[in-house]
Full PDB file with SEQRES, HELIX, SHEET, SSBOND, CRYST1, ORIGX, SCALE, CONECT and MASTER records, all heavy atoms in Angstrom:
SEQRES   1 A   37  GLY ASP SER PHE ILE VAL GLU SER GLY LEU GLU GLU GLY          
SEQRES   2 A   37  GLU GLU ILE ALA VAL ASN GLY THR PHE SER ILE ASP ALA          
SEQRES   3 A   37  ALA ALA GLN LEU SER GLY LYS ALA SER MET MET                  
HELIX    1 AA1 THR A   21  LEU A   30  1                                  10    
CRYST1    1.000    1.000    1.000  90.00  90.00  90.00 P 1           1          
ORIGX1      1.000000  0.000000  0.000000        0.00000                         
ORIGX2      0.000000  1.000000  0.000000        0.00000                         
ORIGX3      0.000000  0.000000  1.000000        0.00000                         
SCALE1      1.000000  0.000000  0.000000        0.00000                         
SCALE2      0.000000  1.000000  0.000000        0.00000                         
SCALE3      0.000000  0.000000  1.000000        0.00000                         
ATOM      1  N   GLY A   1      17.046 -14.823  -6.668  1.00  0.00           N  
ATOM      2  CA  GLY A   1      16.016 -15.769  -6.259  1.00  0.00           C  
ATOM      3  C   GLY A   1      15.901 -15.785  -4.752  1.00  0.00           C  
ATOM      4  O   GLY A   1      15.211 -14.968  -4.151  1.00  0.00           O  
ATOM      5  N   ASP A   2      16.584 -16.725  -4.070  1.00  0.00           N  
ATOM      6  CA  ASP A   2      16.535 -16.837  -2.615  1.00  0.00           C  
ATOM      7  C   ASP A   2      17.708 -16.140  -1.941  1.00  0.00           C  
ATOM      8  O   ASP A   2      17.912 -16.312  -0.736  1.00  0.00           O  
ATOM      9  CB  ASP A   2      16.530 -18.320  -2.200  1.00  0.00           C  
ATOM     10  CG  ASP A   2      15.251 -19.020  -2.641  1.00  0.00           C  
ATOM     11  OD1 ASP A   2      14.217 -18.332  -2.745  1.00  0.00           O  
ATOM     12  OD2 ASP A   2      15.285 -20.231  -2.871  1.00  0.00           O  
ATOM     13  N   SER A   3      18.482 -15.386  -2.672  1.00  0.00           N  
ATOM     14  CA  SER A   3      19.653 -14.729  -2.085  1.00  0.00           C  
ATOM     15  C   SER A   3      19.888 -13.384  -2.749  1.00  0.00           C  
ATOM     16  O   SER A   3      19.242 -13.045  -3.732  1.00  0.00           O  
ATOM     17  CB  SER A   3      20.893 -15.625  -2.213  1.00  0.00           C  
ATOM     18  OG  SER A   3      21.118 -15.965  -3.565  1.00  0.00           O  
ATOM     19  N   PHE A   4      20.814 -12.631  -2.171  1.00  0.00           N  
ATOM     20  CA  PHE A   4      21.176 -11.306  -2.682  1.00  0.00           C  
ATOM     21  C   PHE A   4      22.687 -11.228  -2.884  1.00  0.00           C  
ATOM     22  O   PHE A   4      23.464 -11.844  -2.132  1.00  0.00           O  
ATOM     23  CB  PHE A   4      20.789 -10.207  -1.688  1.00  0.00           C  
ATOM     24  CG  PHE A   4      19.358  -9.776  -1.767  1.00  0.00           C  
ATOM     25  CD1 PHE A   4      18.520  -9.911  -0.682  1.00  0.00           C  
ATOM     26  CD2 PHE A   4      18.850  -9.220  -2.928  1.00  0.00           C  
ATOM     27  CE1 PHE A   4      17.209  -9.502  -0.751  1.00  0.00           C  
ATOM     28  CE2 PHE A   4      17.534  -8.810  -3.006  1.00  0.00           C  
ATOM     29  CZ  PHE A   4      16.709  -8.950  -1.906  1.00  0.00           C  
ATOM     30  N   ILE A   5      23.098 -10.433  -3.862  1.00  0.00           N  
ATOM     31  CA  ILE A   5      24.492 -10.011  -3.952  1.00  0.00           C  
ATOM     32  C   ILE A   5      24.666  -8.811  -3.026  1.00  0.00           C  
ATOM     33  O   ILE A   5      23.857  -7.894  -3.039  1.00  0.00           O  
ATOM     34  CB  ILE A   5      24.870  -9.634  -5.389  1.00  0.00           C  
ATOM     35  CG1 ILE A   5      24.824 -10.853  -6.302  1.00  0.00           C  
ATOM     36  CG2 ILE A   5      26.260  -9.007  -5.448  1.00  0.00           C  
ATOM     37  CD1 ILE A   5      25.099 -10.545  -7.759  1.00  0.00           C  
ATOM     38  N   VAL A   6      25.708  -8.830  -2.205  1.00  0.00           N  
ATOM     39  CA  VAL A   6      26.014  -7.710  -1.321  1.00  0.00           C  
ATOM     40  C   VAL A   6      27.154  -6.918  -1.939  1.00  0.00           C  
ATOM     41  O   VAL A   6      28.271  -7.423  -2.095  1.00  0.00           O  
ATOM     42  CB  VAL A   6      26.397  -8.198   0.097  1.00  0.00           C  
ATOM     43  CG1 VAL A   6      26.792  -7.017   0.977  1.00  0.00           C  
ATOM     44  CG2 VAL A   6      25.230  -8.952   0.724  1.00  0.00           C  
ATOM     45  N   GLU A   7      26.858  -5.679  -2.324  1.00  0.00           N  
ATOM     46  CA  GLU A   7      27.861  -4.836  -2.971  1.00  0.00           C  
ATOM     47  C   GLU A   7      28.896  -4.326  -1.968  1.00  0.00           C  
ATOM     48  O   GLU A   7      30.078  -4.205  -2.282  1.00  0.00           O  
ATOM     49  CB  GLU A   7      27.182  -3.650  -3.666  1.00  0.00           C  
ATOM     50  CG  GLU A   7      26.206  -4.051  -4.778  1.00  0.00           C  
ATOM     51  CD  GLU A   7      26.908  -4.594  -6.001  1.00  0.00           C  
ATOM     52  OE1 GLU A   7      28.149  -4.481  -6.075  1.00  0.00           O  
ATOM     53  OE2 GLU A   7      26.223  -5.142  -6.888  1.00  0.00           O  
ATOM     54  N   SER A   8      28.469  -3.984  -0.765  1.00  0.00           N  
ATOM     55  CA  SER A   8      29.395  -3.478   0.255  1.00  0.00           C  
ATOM     56  C   SER A   8      28.788  -3.698   1.629  1.00  0.00           C  
ATOM     57  O   SER A   8      27.570  -3.839   1.779  1.00  0.00           O  
ATOM     58  CB  SER A   8      29.681  -1.982   0.036  1.00  0.00           C  
ATOM     59  OG  SER A   8      28.502  -1.217   0.187  1.00  0.00           O  
ATOM     60  N   GLY A   9      29.658  -3.732   2.643  1.00  0.00           N  
ATOM     61  CA  GLY A   9      29.205  -3.873   4.021  1.00  0.00           C  
ATOM     62  C   GLY A   9      29.617  -5.169   4.674  1.00  0.00           C  
ATOM     63  O   GLY A   9      29.596  -5.281   5.902  1.00  0.00           O  
ATOM     64  N   LEU A  10      30.014  -6.182   3.892  1.00  0.00           N  
ATOM     65  CA  LEU A  10      30.435  -7.472   4.447  1.00  0.00           C  
ATOM     66  C   LEU A  10      31.733  -7.918   3.793  1.00  0.00           C  
ATOM     67  O   LEU A  10      32.014  -7.572   2.642  1.00  0.00           O  
ATOM     68  CB  LEU A  10      29.362  -8.540   4.225  1.00  0.00           C  
ATOM     69  CG  LEU A  10      28.119  -8.506   5.122  1.00  0.00           C  
ATOM     70  CD1 LEU A  10      27.131  -9.572   4.685  1.00  0.00           C  
ATOM     71  CD2 LEU A  10      28.487  -8.700   6.586  1.00  0.00           C  
ATOM     72  N   GLU A  11      32.488  -8.688   4.548  1.00  0.00           N  
ATOM     73  CA  GLU A  11      33.724  -9.272   4.038  1.00  0.00           C  
ATOM     74  C   GLU A  11      33.603 -10.789   4.040  1.00  0.00           C  
ATOM     75  O   GLU A  11      32.888 -11.372   4.863  1.00  0.00           O  
ATOM     76  CB  GLU A  11      34.926  -8.847   4.890  1.00  0.00           C  
ATOM     77  CG  GLU A  11      35.185  -7.350   4.910  1.00  0.00           C  
ATOM     78  CD  GLU A  11      35.635  -6.822   3.558  1.00  0.00           C  
ATOM     79  OE1 GLU A  11      36.174  -7.624   2.774  1.00  0.00           O  
ATOM     80  OE2 GLU A  11      35.447  -5.617   3.292  1.00  0.00           O  
ATOM     81  N   GLU A  12      34.298 -11.424   3.114  1.00  0.00           N  
ATOM     82  CA  GLU A  12      34.278 -12.879   3.039  1.00  0.00           C  
ATOM     83  C   GLU A  12      34.806 -13.483   4.336  1.00  0.00           C  
ATOM     84  O   GLU A  12      35.804 -13.028   4.895  1.00  0.00           O  
ATOM     85  CB  GLU A  12      35.120 -13.359   1.858  1.00  0.00           C  
ATOM     86  CG  GLU A  12      35.079 -14.863   1.645  1.00  0.00           C  
ATOM     87  CD  GLU A  12      35.886 -15.308   0.453  1.00  0.00           C  
ATOM     88  OE1 GLU A  12      36.529 -14.434  -0.178  1.00  0.00           O  
ATOM     89  OE2 GLU A  12      35.891 -16.516   0.151  1.00  0.00           O  
ATOM     90  N   GLY A  13      34.117 -14.507   4.839  1.00  0.00           N  
ATOM     91  CA  GLY A  13      34.525 -15.174   6.069  1.00  0.00           C  
ATOM     92  C   GLY A  13      33.772 -14.713   7.296  1.00  0.00           C  
ATOM     93  O   GLY A  13      33.766 -15.420   8.321  1.00  0.00           O  
ATOM     94  N   GLU A  14      33.144 -13.542   7.267  1.00  0.00           N  
ATOM     95  CA  GLU A  14      32.369 -13.080   8.414  1.00  0.00           C  
ATOM     96  C   GLU A  14      31.135 -13.964   8.583  1.00  0.00           C  
ATOM     97  O   GLU A  14      30.568 -14.454   7.614  1.00  0.00           O  
ATOM     98  CB  GLU A  14      31.954 -11.620   8.243  1.00  0.00           C  
ATOM     99  CG  GLU A  14      33.113 -10.649   8.352  1.00  0.00           C  
ATOM    100  CD  GLU A  14      32.651  -9.205   8.333  1.00  0.00           C  
ATOM    101  OE1 GLU A  14      32.045  -8.800   7.334  1.00  0.00           O  
ATOM    102  OE2 GLU A  14      32.884  -8.496   9.329  1.00  0.00           O  
ATOM    103  N   GLU A  15      30.712 -14.135   9.831  1.00  0.00           N  
ATOM    104  CA  GLU A  15      29.575 -14.989  10.134  1.00  0.00           C  
ATOM    105  C   GLU A  15      28.369 -14.109  10.464  1.00  0.00           C  
ATOM    106  O   GLU A  15      28.471 -13.191  11.280  1.00  0.00           O  
ATOM    107  CB  GLU A  15      29.885 -15.919  11.308  1.00  0.00           C  
ATOM    108  CG  GLU A  15      28.880 -17.039  11.493  1.00  0.00           C  
ATOM    109  CD  GLU A  15      29.340 -18.095  12.490  1.00  0.00           C  
ATOM    110  OE1 GLU A  15      30.466 -17.956  13.009  1.00  0.00           O  
ATOM    111  OE2 GLU A  15      28.586 -19.039  12.753  1.00  0.00           O  
ATOM    112  N   ILE A  16      27.239 -14.393   9.820  1.00  0.00           N  
ATOM    113  CA  ILE A  16      26.039 -13.584  10.021  1.00  0.00           C  
ATOM    114  C   ILE A  16      24.862 -14.488  10.386  1.00  0.00           C  
ATOM    115  O   ILE A  16      24.881 -15.694  10.140  1.00  0.00           O  
ATOM    116  CB  ILE A  16      25.685 -12.768   8.760  1.00  0.00           C  
ATOM    117  CG1 ILE A  16      25.377 -13.711   7.589  1.00  0.00           C  
ATOM    118  CG2 ILE A  16      26.787 -11.796   8.406  1.00  0.00           C  
ATOM    119  CD1 ILE A  16      24.838 -13.008   6.357  1.00  0.00           C  
ATOM    120  N   ALA A  17      23.828 -13.884  10.988  1.00  0.00           N  
ATOM    121  CA  ALA A  17      22.595 -14.608  11.282  1.00  0.00           C  
ATOM    122  C   ALA A  17      21.800 -14.757   9.996  1.00  0.00           C  
ATOM    123  O   ALA A  17      21.563 -13.783   9.286  1.00  0.00           O  
ATOM    124  CB  ALA A  17      21.785 -13.857  12.322  1.00  0.00           C  
ATOM    125  N   VAL A  18      21.389 -15.989   9.683  1.00  0.00           N  
ATOM    126  CA  VAL A  18      20.606 -16.247   8.479  1.00  0.00           C  
ATOM    127  C   VAL A  18      19.183 -16.668   8.817  1.00  0.00           C  
ATOM    128  O   VAL A  18      18.350 -16.817   7.937  1.00  0.00           O  
ATOM    129  CB  VAL A  18      21.273 -17.323   7.598  1.00  0.00           C  
ATOM    130  CG1 VAL A  18      22.619 -16.838   7.086  1.00  0.00           C  
ATOM    131  CG2 VAL A  18      21.433 -18.635   8.350  1.00  0.00           C  
ATOM    132  N   ASN A  19      18.902 -16.858  10.096  1.00  0.00           N  
ATOM    133  CA  ASN A  19      17.547 -17.167  10.543  1.00  0.00           C  
ATOM    134  C   ASN A  19      17.376 -16.607  11.953  1.00  0.00           C  
ATOM    135  O   ASN A  19      18.310 -16.623  12.750  1.00  0.00           O  
ATOM    136  CB  ASN A  19      17.296 -18.679  10.538  1.00  0.00           C  
ATOM    137  CG  ASN A  19      15.830 -19.015  10.669  1.00  0.00           C  
ATOM    138  OD1 ASN A  19      15.036 -18.737   9.778  1.00  0.00           O  
ATOM    139  ND2 ASN A  19      15.444 -19.593  11.797  1.00  0.00           N  
ATOM    140  N   GLY A  20      16.185 -16.095  12.236  1.00  0.00           N  
ATOM    141  CA  GLY A  20      15.936 -15.507  13.551  1.00  0.00           C  
ATOM    142  C   GLY A  20      16.418 -14.082  13.693  1.00  0.00           C  
ATOM    143  O   GLY A  20      16.591 -13.590  14.811  1.00  0.00           O  
ATOM    144  N   THR A  21      16.641 -13.391  12.561  1.00  0.00           N  
ATOM    145  CA  THR A  21      17.159 -12.019  12.632  1.00  0.00           C  
ATOM    146  C   THR A  21      16.167 -11.081  13.308  1.00  0.00           C  
ATOM    147  O   THR A  21      16.567 -10.130  13.984  1.00  0.00           O  
ATOM    148  CB  THR A  21      17.474 -11.494  11.223  1.00  0.00           C  
ATOM    149  OG1 THR A  21      16.362 -11.751  10.365  1.00  0.00           O  
ATOM    150  CG2 THR A  21      18.701 -12.186  10.655  1.00  0.00           C  
ATOM    151  N   PHE A  22      14.866 -11.338  13.154  1.00  0.00           N  
ATOM    152  CA  PHE A  22      13.884 -10.470  13.795  1.00  0.00           C  
ATOM    153  C   PHE A  22      13.930 -10.622  15.312  1.00  0.00           C  
ATOM    154  O   PHE A  22      13.676  -9.663  16.038  1.00  0.00           O  
ATOM    155  CB  PHE A  22      12.485 -10.778  13.269  1.00  0.00           C  
ATOM    156  CG  PHE A  22      12.123 -10.004  12.038  1.00  0.00           C  
ATOM    157  CD1 PHE A  22      12.378 -10.523  10.780  1.00  0.00           C  
ATOM    158  CD2 PHE A  22      11.560  -8.744  12.129  1.00  0.00           C  
ATOM    159  CE1 PHE A  22      12.062  -9.810   9.636  1.00  0.00           C  
ATOM    160  CE2 PHE A  22      11.239  -8.018  10.983  1.00  0.00           C  
ATOM    161  CZ  PHE A  22      11.490  -8.553   9.740  1.00  0.00           C  
ATOM    162  N   SER A  23      14.245 -11.812  15.804  1.00  0.00           N  
ATOM    163  CA  SER A  23      14.374 -11.999  17.252  1.00  0.00           C  
ATOM    164  C   SER A  23      15.560 -11.214  17.793  1.00  0.00           C  
ATOM    165  O   SER A  23      15.483 -10.599  18.864  1.00  0.00           O  
ATOM    166  CB  SER A  23      14.541 -13.493  17.566  1.00  0.00           C  
ATOM    167  OG  SER A  23      13.406 -14.224  17.149  1.00  0.00           O  
ATOM    168  N   ILE A  24      16.663 -11.212  17.047  1.00  0.00           N  
ATOM    169  CA  ILE A  24      17.828 -10.430  17.466  1.00  0.00           C  
ATOM    170  C   ILE A  24      17.487  -8.952  17.452  1.00  0.00           C  
ATOM    171  O   ILE A  24      17.815  -8.205  18.394  1.00  0.00           O  
ATOM    172  CB  ILE A  24      19.026 -10.710  16.541  1.00  0.00           C  
ATOM    173  CG1 ILE A  24      19.394 -12.196  16.574  1.00  0.00           C  
ATOM    174  CG2 ILE A  24      20.226  -9.861  16.937  1.00  0.00           C  
ATOM    175  CD1 ILE A  24      20.448 -12.589  15.551  1.00  0.00           C  
ATOM    176  N   ASP A  25      16.796  -8.508  16.410  1.00  0.00           N  
ATOM    177  CA  ASP A  25      16.446  -7.087  16.311  1.00  0.00           C  
ATOM    178  C   ASP A  25      15.480  -6.681  17.409  1.00  0.00           C  
ATOM    179  O   ASP A  25      15.572  -5.565  17.942  1.00  0.00           O  
ATOM    180  CB  ASP A  25      15.835  -6.810  14.939  1.00  0.00           C  
ATOM    181  CG  ASP A  25      15.773  -5.334  14.617  1.00  0.00           C  
ATOM    182  OD1 ASP A  25      16.845  -4.763  14.319  1.00  0.00           O  
ATOM    183  OD2 ASP A  25      14.680  -4.749  14.694  1.00  0.00           O  
ATOM    184  N   ALA A  26      14.550  -7.583  17.777  1.00  0.00           N  
ATOM    185  CA  ALA A  26      13.624  -7.273  18.861  1.00  0.00           C  
ATOM    186  C   ALA A  26      14.366  -7.116  20.183  1.00  0.00           C  
ATOM    187  O   ALA A  26      14.066  -6.223  20.984  1.00  0.00           O  
ATOM    188  CB  ALA A  26      12.562  -8.367  18.960  1.00  0.00           C  
ATOM    189  N   ALA A  27      15.364  -7.991  20.419  1.00  0.00           N  
ATOM    190  CA  ALA A  27      16.162  -7.876  21.632  1.00  0.00           C  
ATOM    191  C   ALA A  27      16.935  -6.557  21.651  1.00  0.00           C  
ATOM    192  O   ALA A  27      17.074  -5.908  22.695  1.00  0.00           O  
ATOM    193  CB  ALA A  27      17.124  -9.059  21.742  1.00  0.00           C  
ATOM    194  N   ALA A  28      17.434  -6.124  20.477  1.00  0.00           N  
ATOM    195  CA  ALA A  28      18.145  -4.853  20.393  1.00  0.00           C  
ATOM    196  C   ALA A  28      17.211  -3.684  20.698  1.00  0.00           C  
ATOM    197  O   ALA A  28      17.582  -2.739  21.406  1.00  0.00           O  
ATOM    198  CB  ALA A  28      18.767  -4.693  19.002  1.00  0.00           C  
ATOM    199  N   GLN A  29      15.972  -3.743  20.189  1.00  0.00           N  
ATOM    200  CA  GLN A  29      15.020  -2.668  20.461  1.00  0.00           C  
ATOM    201  C   GLN A  29      14.666  -2.601  21.943  1.00  0.00           C  
ATOM    202  O   GLN A  29      14.586  -1.513  22.521  1.00  0.00           O  
ATOM    203  CB  GLN A  29      13.749  -2.878  19.629  1.00  0.00           C  
ATOM    204  CG  GLN A  29      13.952  -2.721  18.127  1.00  0.00           C  
ATOM    205  CD  GLN A  29      12.649  -2.866  17.363  1.00  0.00           C  
ATOM    206  OE1 GLN A  29      11.627  -2.355  17.766  1.00  0.00           O  
ATOM    207  NE2 GLN A  29      12.703  -3.575  16.240  1.00  0.00           N  
ATOM    208  N   LEU A  30      14.466  -3.774  22.568  1.00  0.00           N  
ATOM    209  CA  LEU A  30      14.103  -3.791  23.994  1.00  0.00           C  
ATOM    210  C   LEU A  30      15.213  -3.242  24.874  1.00  0.00           C  
ATOM    211  O   LEU A  30      14.959  -2.625  25.913  1.00  0.00           O  
ATOM    212  CB  LEU A  30      13.761  -5.219  24.428  1.00  0.00           C  
ATOM    213  CG  LEU A  30      12.428  -5.773  23.901  1.00  0.00           C  
ATOM    214  CD1 LEU A  30      12.302  -7.240  24.240  1.00  0.00           C  
ATOM    215  CD2 LEU A  30      11.266  -4.984  24.496  1.00  0.00           C  
ATOM    216  N   SER A  31      16.464  -3.475  24.446  1.00  0.00           N  
ATOM    217  CA  SER A  31      17.588  -3.020  25.263  1.00  0.00           C  
ATOM    218  C   SER A  31      18.063  -1.618  24.877  1.00  0.00           C  
ATOM    219  O   SER A  31      19.072  -1.140  25.388  1.00  0.00           O  
ATOM    220  CB  SER A  31      18.748  -4.010  25.140  1.00  0.00           C  
ATOM    221  OG  SER A  31      19.134  -4.161  23.796  1.00  0.00           O  
ATOM    222  N   GLY A  32      17.338  -0.954  23.966  1.00  0.00           N  
ATOM    223  CA  GLY A  32      17.697   0.413  23.596  1.00  0.00           C  
ATOM    224  C   GLY A  32      18.935   0.521  22.738  1.00  0.00           C  
ATOM    225  O   GLY A  32      19.574   1.570  22.699  1.00  0.00           O  
ATOM    226  N   LYS A  33      19.265  -0.558  22.040  1.00  0.00           N  
ATOM    227  CA  LYS A  33      20.451  -0.536  21.192  1.00  0.00           C  
ATOM    228  C   LYS A  33      20.054  -0.263  19.738  1.00  0.00           C  
ATOM    229  O   LYS A  33      18.882  -0.215  19.394  1.00  0.00           O  
ATOM    230  CB  LYS A  33      21.193  -1.861  21.300  1.00  0.00           C  
ATOM    231  CG  LYS A  33      21.710  -2.139  22.706  1.00  0.00           C  
ATOM    232  CD  LYS A  33      22.448  -3.449  22.773  1.00  0.00           C  
ATOM    233  CE  LYS A  33      23.013  -3.673  24.184  1.00  0.00           C  
ATOM    234  NZ  LYS A  33      23.760  -4.922  24.273  1.00  0.00           N  
ATOM    235  N   ALA A  34      21.077  -0.073  18.891  1.00  0.00           N  
ATOM    236  CA  ALA A  34      20.819   0.178  17.476  1.00  0.00           C  
ATOM    237  C   ALA A  34      20.039  -0.989  16.889  1.00  0.00           C  
ATOM    238  O   ALA A  34      20.395  -2.155  17.070  1.00  0.00           O  
ATOM    239  CB  ALA A  34      22.133   0.371  16.728  1.00  0.00           C  
ATOM    240  N   SER A  35      18.951  -0.691  16.180  1.00  0.00           N  
ATOM    241  CA  SER A  35      18.099  -1.713  15.599  1.00  0.00           C  
ATOM    242  C   SER A  35      17.680  -1.286  14.206  1.00  0.00           C  
ATOM    243  O   SER A  35      18.035  -0.203  13.735  1.00  0.00           O  
ATOM    244  CB  SER A  35      16.865  -1.960  16.479  1.00  0.00           C  
ATOM    245  OG  SER A  35      16.101  -0.778  16.586  1.00  0.00           O  
ATOM    246  N   MET A  36      16.899  -2.134  13.535  1.00  0.00           N  
ATOM    247  CA  MET A  36      16.515  -1.879  12.164  1.00  0.00           C  
ATOM    248  C   MET A  36      15.771  -0.547  12.026  1.00  0.00           C  
ATOM    249  O   MET A  36      16.057   0.256  11.155  1.00  0.00           O  
ATOM    250  CB  MET A  36      15.631  -3.022  11.653  1.00  0.00           C  
ATOM    251  CG  MET A  36      15.122  -2.834  10.241  1.00  0.00           C  
ATOM    252  SD  MET A  36      14.156  -4.225   9.641  1.00  0.00           S  
ATOM    253  CE  MET A  36      12.716  -4.122  10.699  1.00  0.00           C  
ATOM    254  N   MET A  37      14.800  -0.295  12.913  1.00  0.00           N  
ATOM    255  CA  MET A  37      13.991   0.909  12.814  1.00  0.00           C  
ATOM    256  C   MET A  37      14.594   2.081  13.575  1.00  0.00           C  
ATOM    257  O   MET A  37      14.146   3.215  13.415  1.00  0.00           O  
ATOM    258  CB  MET A  37      12.576   0.635  13.343  1.00  0.00           C  
ATOM    259  CG  MET A  37      11.828  -0.449  12.588  1.00  0.00           C  
ATOM    260  SD  MET A  37      11.717  -0.129  10.806  1.00  0.00           S  
ATOM    261  CE  MET A  37      10.721   1.356  10.807  1.00  0.00           C  
TER     262      MET A  37                                                      
MASTER        0    0    0    1    0    0    0    6  261    1    0    3          
END                                                                             
């Protein structure tokens, strides 16, 4: 529904961005760092 099961890539207890992820990705693109695209 509003969430996904993650099969691999994350461990319990890690903290992730749940809102504003596109803003973080835009900052990564502007600074030439690894980004979504």
